[in-house]
C-alpha atoms as a PDB file:
ATOM      1  CA  UNK A   1     -98.988  88.073 238.712  1.00  0.00           C
ATOM      2  CA  UNK A   2    -102.307  88.366 240.511  1.00  0.00           C
ATOM      3  CA  UNK A   3    -105.164  90.110 238.692  1.00  0.00           C
ATOM      4  CA  UNK A   4    -105.423  92.692 241.489  1.00  0.00           C
ATOM      5  CA  UNK A   5    -101.830  93.803 240.887  1.00  0.00           C
ATOM      6  CA  UNK A   6    -102.435  94.177 237.145  1.00  0.00           C
ATOM      7  CA  UNK A   7    -105.432  96.418 237.803  1.00  0.00           C
ATOM      8  CA  UNK A   8    -103.423  98.419 240.355  1.00  0.00           C
ATOM      9  CA  UNK A   9    -100.563  98.885 237.867  1.00  0.00           C
ATOM     10  CA  UNK A  10    -103.003  99.998 235.165  1.00  0.00           C
ATOM     11  CA  UNK A  11    -104.677 102.446 237.559  1.00  0.00           C
ATOM     12  CA  UNK A  12    -101.309 103.856 238.714  1.00  0.00           C
ATOM     13  CA  UNK A  13    -100.051 104.175 235.139  1.00  0.00           C
ATOM     14  CA  UNK A  14    -103.273 105.939 234.111  1.00  0.00           C
ATOM     15  CA  UNK A  15    -103.001 108.285 237.101  1.00  0.00           C
ATOM     16  CA  UNK A  16     -99.367 109.066 236.250  1.00  0.00           C
ATOM     17  CA  UNK A  17    -100.341 109.763 232.621  1.00  0.00           C
ATOM     18  CA  UNK A  18    -103.223 112.004 233.741  1.00  0.00           C
ATOM     19  CA  UNK A  19    -100.984 113.944 236.125  1.00  0.00           C
ATOM     20  CA  UNK A  20     -98.317 114.271 233.423  1.00  0.00           C
ATOM     21  CA  UNK A  21    -100.917 115.506 230.934  1.00  0.00           C
ATOM     22  CA  UNK A  22    -102.211 118.040 233.489  1.00  0.00           C
ATOM     23  CA  UNK A  23     -98.694 119.304 234.273  1.00  0.00           C
ATOM     24  CA  UNK A  24     -97.831 119.633 230.565  1.00  0.00           C
ATOM     25  CA  UNK A  25    -101.032 121.627 229.958  1.00  0.00           C
ATOM     26  CA  UNK A  26    -100.100 123.962 232.817  1.00  0.00           C
ATOM     27  CA  UNK A  27     -96.559 124.324 231.473  1.00  0.00           C
ATOM     28  CA  UNK A  28     -97.871 125.062 227.962  1.00  0.00           C
ATOM     29  CA  UNK A  29    -100.225 127.677 229.382  1.00  0.00           C
ATOM     30  CA  UNK A  30     -97.410 129.281 231.388  1.00  0.00           C
ATOM     31  CA  UNK A  31     -95.078 129.384 228.376  1.00  0.00           C
ATOM     32  CA  UNK A  32     -97.789 130.840 226.119  1.00  0.00           C
ATOM     33  CA  UNK A  33     -98.568 133.575 228.665  1.00  0.00           C
ATOM     34  CA  UNK A  34     -94.866 134.341 229.077  1.00  0.00           C
ATOM     35  CA  UNK A  35     -94.444 134.595 225.292  1.00  0.00           C
ATOM     36  CA  UNK A  36     -97.381 137.042 225.130  1.00  0.00           C
ATOM     37  CA  UNK A  37     -95.720 139.221 227.785  1.00  0.00           C
ATOM     38  CA  UNK A  38     -92.377 139.160 225.972  1.00  0.00           C
ATOM     39  CA  UNK A  39     -94.027 139.990 222.635  1.00  0.00           C
ATOM     40  CA  UNK A  40     -95.972 142.875 224.195  1.00  0.00           C
ATOM     41  CA  UNK A  41     -92.770 144.211 225.771  1.00  0.00           C
ATOM     42  CA  UNK A  42     -90.920 143.992 222.446  1.00  0.00           C
ATOM     43  CA  UNK A  43     -93.735 145.812 220.639  1.00  0.00           C
ATOM     44  CA  UNK A  44     -93.319 148.725 223.034  1.00  0.00           C
ATOM     45  CA  UNK A  45     -89.580 148.936 222.350  1.00  0.00           C
ATOM     46  CA  UNK A  46     -88.796 147.116 219.085  1.00  0.00           C
ATOM     47  CA  UNK A  47     -85.455 148.787 218.364  1.00  0.00           C
ATOM     48  CA  UNK A  48     -83.684 148.498 221.683  1.00  0.00           C
ATOM     49  CA  UNK A  49     -80.304 147.820 220.122  1.00  0.00           C
ATOM     50  CA  UNK A  50     -78.067 148.500 217.179  1.00  0.00           C
ATOM     51  CA  UNK A  51     -78.917 146.221 214.247  1.00  0.00           C
ATOM     52  CA  UNK A  52     -75.953 145.603 211.945  1.00  0.00           C
ATOM     53  CA  UNK A  53     -75.840 143.520 208.755  1.00  0.00           C
ATOM     54  CA  UNK A  54     -72.794 142.122 206.955  1.00  0.00           C
ATOM     55  CA  UNK A  55     -72.549 141.104 203.314  1.00  0.00           C
ATOM     56  CA  UNK A  56     -69.963 138.450 204.094  1.00  0.00           C
ATOM     57  CA  UNK A  57     -68.884 136.745 207.355  1.00  0.00           C
ATOM     58  CA  UNK A  58     -65.263 137.696 206.588  1.00  0.00           C
ATOM     59  CA  UNK A  59     -66.253 141.347 207.137  1.00  0.00           C
ATOM     60  CA  UNK A  60     -67.082 140.651 210.775  1.00  0.00           C
ATOM     61  CA  UNK A  61     -63.474 140.034 211.777  1.00  0.00           C
ATOM     62  CA  UNK A  62     -62.310 143.154 209.925  1.00  0.00           C
ATOM     63  CA  UNK A  63     -64.685 145.440 211.855  1.00  0.00           C
ATOM     64  CA  UNK A  64     -64.808 143.512 215.137  1.00  0.00           C
ATOM     65  CA  UNK A  65     -62.260 145.818 216.784  1.00  0.00           C
ATOM     66  CA  UNK A  66     -64.406 148.882 216.068  1.00  0.00           C
ATOM     67  CA  UNK A  67     -67.523 147.120 217.334  1.00  0.00           C
ATOM     68  CA  UNK A  68     -65.720 145.964 220.496  1.00  0.00           C
ATOM     69  CA  UNK A  69     -64.790 149.562 221.340  1.00  0.00           C
ATOM     70  CA  UNK A  70     -68.377 150.655 220.693  1.00  0.00           C
ATOM     71  CA  UNK A  71     -69.716 147.814 222.834  1.00  0.00           C
ATOM     72  CA  UNK A  72     -67.505 148.830 225.752  1.00  0.00           C
ATOM     73  CA  UNK A  73     -68.528 152.477 225.438  1.00  0.00           C
ATOM     74  CA  UNK A  74     -72.229 151.521 225.307  1.00  0.00           C
ATOM     75  CA  UNK A  75     -72.397 148.457 227.535  1.00  0.00           C
ATOM     76  CA  UNK A  76     -76.142 148.966 228.045  1.00  0.00           C
ATOM     77  CA  UNK A  77     -76.879 148.560 224.328  1.00  0.00           C
ATOM     78  CA  UNK A  78     -77.673 145.286 222.595  1.00  0.00           C
ATOM     79  CA  UNK A  79     -76.115 144.440 219.259  1.00  0.00           C
ATOM     80  CA  UNK A  80     -77.985 142.353 216.678  1.00  0.00           C
ATOM     81  CA  UNK A  81     -76.028 140.944 213.725  1.00  0.00           C
ATOM     82  CA  UNK A  82     -77.361 139.784 210.358  1.00  0.00           C
ATOM     83  CA  UNK A  83     -75.896 138.365 207.137  1.00  0.00           C
ATOM     84  CA  UNK A  84     -77.289 139.132 203.668  1.00  0.00           C
ATOM     85  CA  UNK A  85     -76.475 140.223 200.151  1.00  0.00           C
ATOM     86  CA  UNK A  86     -75.742 143.886 199.425  1.00  0.00           C
ATOM     87  CA  UNK A  87     -79.214 144.206 197.878  1.00  0.00           C
ATOM     88  CA  UNK A  88     -80.853 142.641 200.956  1.00  0.00           C
ATOM     89  CA  UNK A  89     -78.907 145.012 203.210  1.00  0.00           C
ATOM     90  CA  UNK A  90     -80.054 148.080 201.244  1.00  0.00           C
ATOM     91  CA  UNK A  91     -83.681 146.835 201.320  1.00  0.00           C
ATOM     92  CA  UNK A  92     -83.461 146.186 205.082  1.00  0.00           C
ATOM     93  CA  UNK A  93     -82.094 149.703 205.633  1.00  0.00           C
ATOM     94  CA  UNK A  94     -84.960 151.194 203.614  1.00  0.00           C
ATOM     95  CA  UNK A  95     -87.486 149.089 205.561  1.00  0.00           C
ATOM     96  CA  UNK A  96     -85.983 150.122 208.937  1.00  0.00           C
ATOM     97  CA  UNK A  97     -85.074 146.521 209.807  1.00  0.00           C
ATOM     98  CA  UNK A  98     -81.376 147.356 210.344  1.00  0.00           C
ATOM     99  CA  UNK A  99     -79.470 150.490 211.314  1.00  0.00           C
ATOM    100  CA  UNK A 100     -76.166 149.871 209.553  1.00  0.00           C
ATOM    101  CA  UNK A 101     -74.752 147.568 206.922  1.00  0.00           C
ATOM    102  CA  UNK A 102     -71.242 146.650 205.844  1.00  0.00           C
ATOM    103  CA  UNK A 103     -70.826 145.734 202.175  1.00  0.00           C
ATOM    104  CA  UNK A 104     -67.819 144.920 200.008  1.00  0.00           C
ATOM    105  CA  UNK A 105     -66.485 147.431 197.487  1.00  0.00           C
ATOM    106  CA  UNK A 106     -63.612 147.527 195.005  1.00  0.00           C
ATOM    107  CA  UNK A 107     -63.104 151.249 195.624  1.00  0.00           C
ATOM    108  CA  UNK A 108     -61.886 153.073 198.686  1.00  0.00           C
ATOM    109  CA  UNK A 109     -63.515 156.163 200.184  1.00  0.00           C
ATOM    110  CA  UNK A 110     -63.336 158.156 203.437  1.00  0.00           C
ATOM    111  CA  UNK A 111     -65.140 155.581 205.558  1.00  0.00           C
ATOM    112  CA  UNK A 112     -64.067 152.319 203.925  1.00  0.00           C
ATOM    113  CA  UNK A 113     -61.496 150.032 205.495  1.00  0.00           C
ATOM    114  CA  UNK A 114     -59.478 147.231 203.875  1.00  0.00           C
ATOM    115  CA  UNK A 115     -60.944 143.744 204.013  1.00  0.00           C
ATOM    116  CA  UNK A 116     -58.755 141.567 206.231  1.00  0.00           C
ATOM    117  CA  UNK A 117     -59.347 138.053 204.911  1.00  0.00           C
ATOM    118  CA  UNK A 118     -56.267 136.532 206.507  1.00  0.00           C
ATOM    119  CA  UNK A 119     -57.366 137.598 209.984  1.00  0.00           C
ATOM    120  CA  UNK A 120     -60.622 135.668 209.542  1.00  0.00           C
ATOM    121  CA  UNK A 121     -59.138 132.518 208.083  1.00  0.00           C
ATOM    122  CA  UNK A 122     -56.144 132.430 210.409  1.00  0.00           C
ATOM    123  CA  UNK A 123     -58.510 132.597 213.399  1.00  0.00           C
ATOM    124  CA  UNK A 124     -61.049 130.105 212.066  1.00  0.00           C
ATOM    125  CA  UNK A 125     -58.974 127.744 209.913  1.00  0.00           C
ATOM    126  CA  UNK A 126     -55.496 128.247 211.262  1.00  0.00           C
ATOM    127  CA  UNK A 127     -54.051 129.003 207.833  1.00  0.00           C
ATOM    128  CA  UNK A 128     -53.531 131.933 205.481  1.00  0.00           C
ATOM    129  CA  UNK A 129     -55.929 132.519 202.565  1.00  0.00           C
ATOM    130  CA  UNK A 130     -55.303 135.118 199.869  1.00  0.00           C
ATOM    131  CA  UNK A 131     -57.849 136.777 197.568  1.00  0.00           C
ATOM    132  CA  UNK A 132     -57.800 135.580 193.960  1.00  0.00           C
ATOM    133  CA  UNK A 133     -58.404 139.080 192.633  1.00  0.00           C
ATOM    134  CA  UNK A 134     -55.302 141.223 192.319  1.00  0.00           C
ATOM    135  CA  UNK A 135     -57.238 144.291 193.456  1.00  0.00           C
ATOM    136  CA  UNK A 136     -57.801 144.971 197.090  1.00  0.00           C
ATOM    137  CA  UNK A 137     -61.330 144.853 198.485  1.00  0.00           C
ATOM    138  CA  UNK A 138     -62.747 147.337 200.949  1.00  0.00           C
ATOM    139  CA  UNK A 139     -65.546 147.306 203.474  1.00  0.00           C
ATOM    140  CA  UNK A 140     -67.963 150.210 203.152  1.00  0.00           C
ATOM    141  CA  UNK A 141     -70.505 151.045 205.830  1.00  0.00           C
ATOM    142  CA  UNK A 142     -73.961 151.992 204.539  1.00  0.00           C
ATOM    143  CA  UNK A 143     -76.584 153.848 206.545  1.00  0.00           C
ATOM    144  CA  UNK A 144     -80.173 154.686 205.745  1.00  0.00           C
ATOM    145  CA  UNK A 145     -81.167 158.223 204.843  1.00  0.00           C
ATOM    146  CA  UNK A 146     -83.690 158.484 207.658  1.00  0.00           C
ATOM    147  CA  UNK A 147     -83.873 159.848 211.169  1.00  0.00           C
ATOM    148  CA  UNK A 148     -82.873 157.433 213.923  1.00  0.00           C
ATOM    149  CA  UNK A 149     -82.920 157.617 217.689  1.00  0.00           C
ATOM    150  CA  UNK A 150     -80.349 160.049 219.151  1.00  0.00           C
ATOM    151  CA  UNK A 151     -78.422 157.328 220.998  1.00  0.00           C
ATOM    152  CA  UNK A 152     -78.056 155.215 217.846  1.00  0.00           C
ATOM    153  CA  UNK A 153     -77.113 158.324 215.864  1.00  0.00           C
ATOM    154  CA  UNK A 154     -74.339 159.066 218.361  1.00  0.00           C
ATOM    155  CA  UNK A 155     -73.127 155.454 218.315  1.00  0.00           C
ATOM    156  CA  UNK A 156     -73.017 155.354 214.510  1.00  0.00           C
ATOM    157  CA  UNK A 157     -71.195 158.705 214.383  1.00  0.00           C
ATOM    158  CA  UNK A 158     -68.572 157.423 216.834  1.00  0.00           C
ATOM    159  CA  UNK A 159     -68.162 154.240 214.816  1.00  0.00           C
ATOM    160  CA  UNK A 160     -67.658 156.218 211.581  1.00  0.00           C
ATOM    161  CA  UNK A 161     -65.135 158.534 213.280  1.00  0.00           C
ATOM    162  CA  UNK A 162     -63.148 155.590 214.634  1.00  0.00           C
ATOM    163  CA  UNK A 163     -63.021 154.029 211.180  1.00  0.00           C
ATOM    164  CA  UNK A 164     -61.785 157.303 209.663  1.00  0.00           C
ATOM    165  CA  UNK A 165     -59.103 157.667 212.341  1.00  0.00           C
ATOM    166  CA  UNK A 166     -57.452 154.432 211.293  1.00  0.00           C
ATOM    167  CA  UNK A 167     -56.755 155.880 207.831  1.00  0.00           C
ATOM    168  CA  UNK A 168     -54.431 158.592 209.164  1.00  0.00           C
END
């Protein structure tokens, strides 16, 4: 290879690297500016959806029918789902990080529904799984004792009513 070609290849490679570096800097700048805009928008409206936490993933399948009805009725609302311990759910409610939590309970009350473990495992594993405990477990919704936006209040009230209706 002639020395002139080697120099030309080095110059072209350097130019390509410089252009690539320039384009990446522009892309980084664009992405950073976009992230600032998104963050500013979220600060103005941080609770634009219903934030729901579950103590156990098995609970999700047991309440999914109620949430599906609510989602259809409020198609303009976002739903955010979280998993945590019962203690974490109560702390998140107190800190206004979630609007509603579903925790397990050994006792039944007006708003609790039976835990449907087989539905979850049949859908995900394709087999039946039974609880080891002889007693039945229930899912209890927990809400914070604080004022929330009217739309969320209405949504939560409808959800609670639909859960009570299934007991009759």
